[in-house]
Amino acid sequence: MEEAEALIARVLEQDDPFEQGEILREIDGEIGHATIADDMADAGFGKRSGSTAADVLSRLKAEK
């Protein structure tokens, strides 16, 4: 519990929204179960567990 509170305080102390976002993405990556599979897919081994923002943008551009 103390570790979680310290982490929340660290995020909230950041003045830069970009830095806050980076910390939150790091946390999300650490607790996500698909991280290893997605990392492998990014390296060319297998399929991703879900769509990425880049996938969505490319589909939207293709529809135009």
N, C-alpha and C. Protein backbone atom coordinates (compact mmCIF):
# COMPACT_ATOMS: atom_id res chain seq x y z
N MET A 1 0.83 -1.18 0.00
CA MET A 1 0.00 0.00 0.00
C MET A 1 0.88 1.25 0.00
N GLU A 2 1.93 1.24 0.77
CA GLU A 2 2.82 2.40 0.84
C GLU A 2 3.49 2.64 -0.50
N GLU A 3 3.84 1.55 -1.18
CA GLU A 3 4.48 1.68 -2.48
C GLU A 3 3.52 2.32 -3.50
N ALA A 4 2.26 1.92 -3.46
CA ALA A 4 1.26 2.49 -4.36
C ALA A 4 1.05 3.97 -4.07
N GLU A 5 0.99 4.33 -2.81
CA GLU A 5 0.83 5.74 -2.44
C GLU A 5 2.02 6.57 -2.89
N ALA A 6 3.21 6.03 -2.76
CA ALA A 6 4.41 6.74 -3.20
C ALA A 6 4.40 6.93 -4.71
N LEU A 7 3.94 5.93 -5.42
CA LEU A 7 3.88 6.01 -6.87
C LEU A 7 2.86 7.06 -7.31
N ILE A 8 1.71 7.08 -6.68
CA ILE A 8 0.69 8.08 -6.99
C ILE A 8 1.23 9.47 -6.71
N ALA A 9 1.90 9.65 -5.60
CA ALA A 9 2.49 10.95 -5.25
C ALA A 9 3.51 11.36 -6.30
N ARG A 10 4.32 10.42 -6.77
CA ARG A 10 5.34 10.71 -7.78
C ARG A 10 4.70 11.20 -9.07
N VAL A 11 3.61 10.57 -9.47
CA VAL A 11 2.91 10.98 -10.70
C VAL A 11 2.33 12.38 -10.52
N LEU A 12 1.68 12.61 -9.39
CA LEU A 12 1.02 13.89 -9.17
C LEU A 12 2.00 15.04 -8.99
N GLU A 13 3.23 14.75 -8.58
CA GLU A 13 4.24 15.80 -8.38
C GLU A 13 4.80 16.33 -9.69
N GLN A 14 4.61 15.61 -10.78
CA GLN A 14 5.17 16.02 -12.06
C GLN A 14 4.39 17.22 -12.61
N ASP A 15 5.13 18.29 -12.94
CA ASP A 15 4.51 19.47 -13.52
C ASP A 15 4.24 19.28 -15.01
N ASP A 16 5.01 18.44 -15.64
CA ASP A 16 4.93 18.23 -17.07
C ASP A 16 3.92 17.12 -17.38
N PRO A 17 2.84 17.43 -18.10
CA PRO A 17 1.85 16.39 -18.44
C PRO A 17 2.47 15.25 -19.24
N PHE A 18 3.47 15.54 -20.07
CA PHE A 18 4.14 14.50 -20.83
C PHE A 18 4.82 13.52 -19.87
N GLU A 19 5.49 14.05 -18.86
CA GLU A 19 6.17 13.19 -17.87
C GLU A 19 5.14 12.34 -17.10
N GLN A 20 4.01 12.95 -16.75
CA GLN A 20 2.95 12.19 -16.08
C GLN A 20 2.49 11.04 -16.98
N GLY A 21 2.30 11.34 -18.25
CA GLY A 21 1.86 10.31 -19.20
C GLY A 21 2.88 9.19 -19.33
N GLU A 22 4.16 9.55 -19.36
CA GLU A 22 5.21 8.54 -19.47
C GLU A 22 5.21 7.61 -18.26
N ILE A 23 5.04 8.17 -17.09
CA ILE A 23 5.00 7.37 -15.86
C ILE A 23 3.80 6.44 -15.89
N LEU A 24 2.65 6.96 -16.30
CA LEU A 24 1.45 6.13 -16.34
C LEU A 24 1.56 5.03 -17.39
N ARG A 25 2.18 5.32 -18.54
CA ARG A 25 2.40 4.29 -19.55
C ARG A 25 3.35 3.21 -19.03
N GLU A 26 4.34 3.64 -18.29
CA GLU A 26 5.29 2.68 -17.70
C GLU A 26 4.57 1.76 -16.72
N ILE A 27 3.73 2.34 -15.89
CA ILE A 27 2.96 1.54 -14.93
C ILE A 27 2.05 0.58 -15.67
N ASP A 28 1.36 1.08 -16.67
CA ASP A 28 0.44 0.25 -17.44
C ASP A 28 1.18 -0.90 -18.11
N GLY A 29 2.36 -0.62 -18.62
CA GLY A 29 3.15 -1.66 -19.26
C GLY A 29 3.62 -2.72 -18.30
N GLU A 30 3.92 -2.30 -17.09
CA GLU A 30 4.40 -3.25 -16.09
C GLU A 30 3.31 -4.17 -15.57
N ILE A 31 2.08 -3.67 -15.54
CA ILE A 31 1.01 -4.51 -15.01
C ILE A 31 0.24 -5.23 -16.11
N GLY A 32 0.48 -4.88 -17.36
CA GLY A 32 -0.21 -5.55 -18.46
C GLY A 32 0.37 -6.93 -18.71
N HIS A 33 -0.50 -7.90 -18.87
CA HIS A 33 -0.04 -9.27 -19.08
C HIS A 33 0.41 -9.51 -20.51
N ALA A 34 0.01 -8.64 -21.44
CA ALA A 34 0.34 -8.84 -22.85
C ALA A 34 1.64 -8.17 -23.26
N THR A 35 2.32 -7.55 -22.34
CA THR A 35 3.51 -6.78 -22.65
C THR A 35 4.57 -7.60 -23.39
N ILE A 36 4.89 -8.76 -22.90
CA ILE A 36 5.94 -9.57 -23.51
C ILE A 36 5.52 -10.00 -24.92
N ALA A 37 4.29 -10.44 -25.07
CA ALA A 37 3.80 -10.86 -26.39
C ALA A 37 3.81 -9.69 -27.36
N ASP A 38 3.41 -8.52 -26.90
CA ASP A 38 3.41 -7.34 -27.78
C ASP A 38 4.83 -6.91 -28.13
N ASP A 39 5.73 -7.00 -27.18
CA ASP A 39 7.13 -6.67 -27.46
C ASP A 39 7.70 -7.62 -28.51
N MET A 40 7.36 -8.89 -28.39
CA MET A 40 7.82 -9.88 -29.37
C MET A 40 7.22 -9.60 -30.75
N ALA A 41 5.94 -9.25 -30.78
CA ALA A 41 5.28 -8.93 -32.05
C ALA A 41 5.92 -7.71 -32.69
N ASP A 42 6.26 -6.71 -31.90
CA ASP A 42 6.93 -5.52 -32.42
C ASP A 42 8.28 -5.87 -33.04
N ALA A 43 8.90 -6.92 -32.52
CA ALA A 43 10.20 -7.36 -33.04
C ALA A 43 10.05 -8.31 -34.23
N GLY A 44 8.78 -8.59 -34.62
CA GLY A 44 8.55 -9.43 -35.79
C GLY A 44 8.22 -10.87 -35.49
N PHE A 45 7.95 -11.19 -34.24
CA PHE A 45 7.64 -12.57 -33.85
C PHE A 45 6.19 -12.67 -33.38
N GLY A 46 5.31 -13.14 -34.23
CA GLY A 46 3.92 -13.33 -33.85
C GLY A 46 3.07 -12.10 -34.02
N LYS A 47 1.82 -12.21 -33.53
CA LYS A 47 0.84 -11.13 -33.65
C LYS A 47 0.69 -10.41 -32.32
N ARG A 48 0.30 -9.14 -32.40
CA ARG A 48 0.02 -8.35 -31.20
C ARG A 48 -1.27 -8.85 -30.55
N SER A 49 -1.43 -8.59 -29.28
CA SER A 49 -2.62 -9.02 -28.56
C SER A 49 -3.81 -8.09 -28.83
N GLY A 50 -3.55 -6.92 -29.41
CA GLY A 50 -4.62 -5.97 -29.70
C GLY A 50 -4.14 -4.91 -30.67
N SER A 51 -5.03 -4.03 -31.04
CA SER A 51 -4.70 -2.95 -31.95
C SER A 51 -3.93 -1.85 -31.24
N THR A 52 -3.07 -1.19 -32.01
CA THR A 52 -2.35 -0.04 -31.47
C THR A 52 -2.97 1.23 -32.03
N ALA A 53 -2.58 2.36 -31.50
CA ALA A 53 -3.05 3.65 -32.02
C ALA A 53 -2.62 3.79 -33.48
N ALA A 54 -1.42 3.32 -33.81
CA ALA A 54 -0.93 3.40 -35.19
C ALA A 54 -1.81 2.57 -36.12
N ASP A 55 -2.28 1.41 -35.67
CA ASP A 55 -3.18 0.57 -36.47
C ASP A 55 -4.47 1.32 -36.78
N VAL A 56 -5.03 1.95 -35.78
CA VAL A 56 -6.29 2.68 -35.95
C VAL A 56 -6.10 3.85 -36.90
N LEU A 57 -5.03 4.60 -36.74
CA LEU A 57 -4.78 5.73 -37.62
C LEU A 57 -4.58 5.29 -39.07
N SER A 58 -3.87 4.20 -39.28
CA SER A 58 -3.66 3.74 -40.64
C SER A 58 -4.95 3.28 -41.29
N ARG A 59 -5.84 2.65 -40.51
CA ARG A 59 -7.15 2.26 -41.06
C ARG A 59 -8.00 3.47 -41.40
N LEU A 60 -7.95 4.49 -40.54
CA LEU A 60 -8.72 5.71 -40.81
C LEU A 60 -8.21 6.42 -42.06
N LYS A 61 -6.89 6.46 -42.24
CA LYS A 61 -6.32 7.08 -43.43
C LYS A 61 -6.67 6.29 -44.68
N ALA A 62 -6.72 4.98 -44.57
CA ALA A 62 -7.04 4.13 -45.71
C ALA A 62 -8.51 4.30 -46.15
N GLU A 63 -9.38 4.65 -45.22
CA GLU A 63 -10.79 4.83 -45.52
C GLU A 63 -11.08 6.12 -46.27
N LYS A 64 -10.17 7.08 -46.21
CA LYS A 64 -10.39 8.39 -46.86
C LYS A 64 -10.32 8.28 -48.33
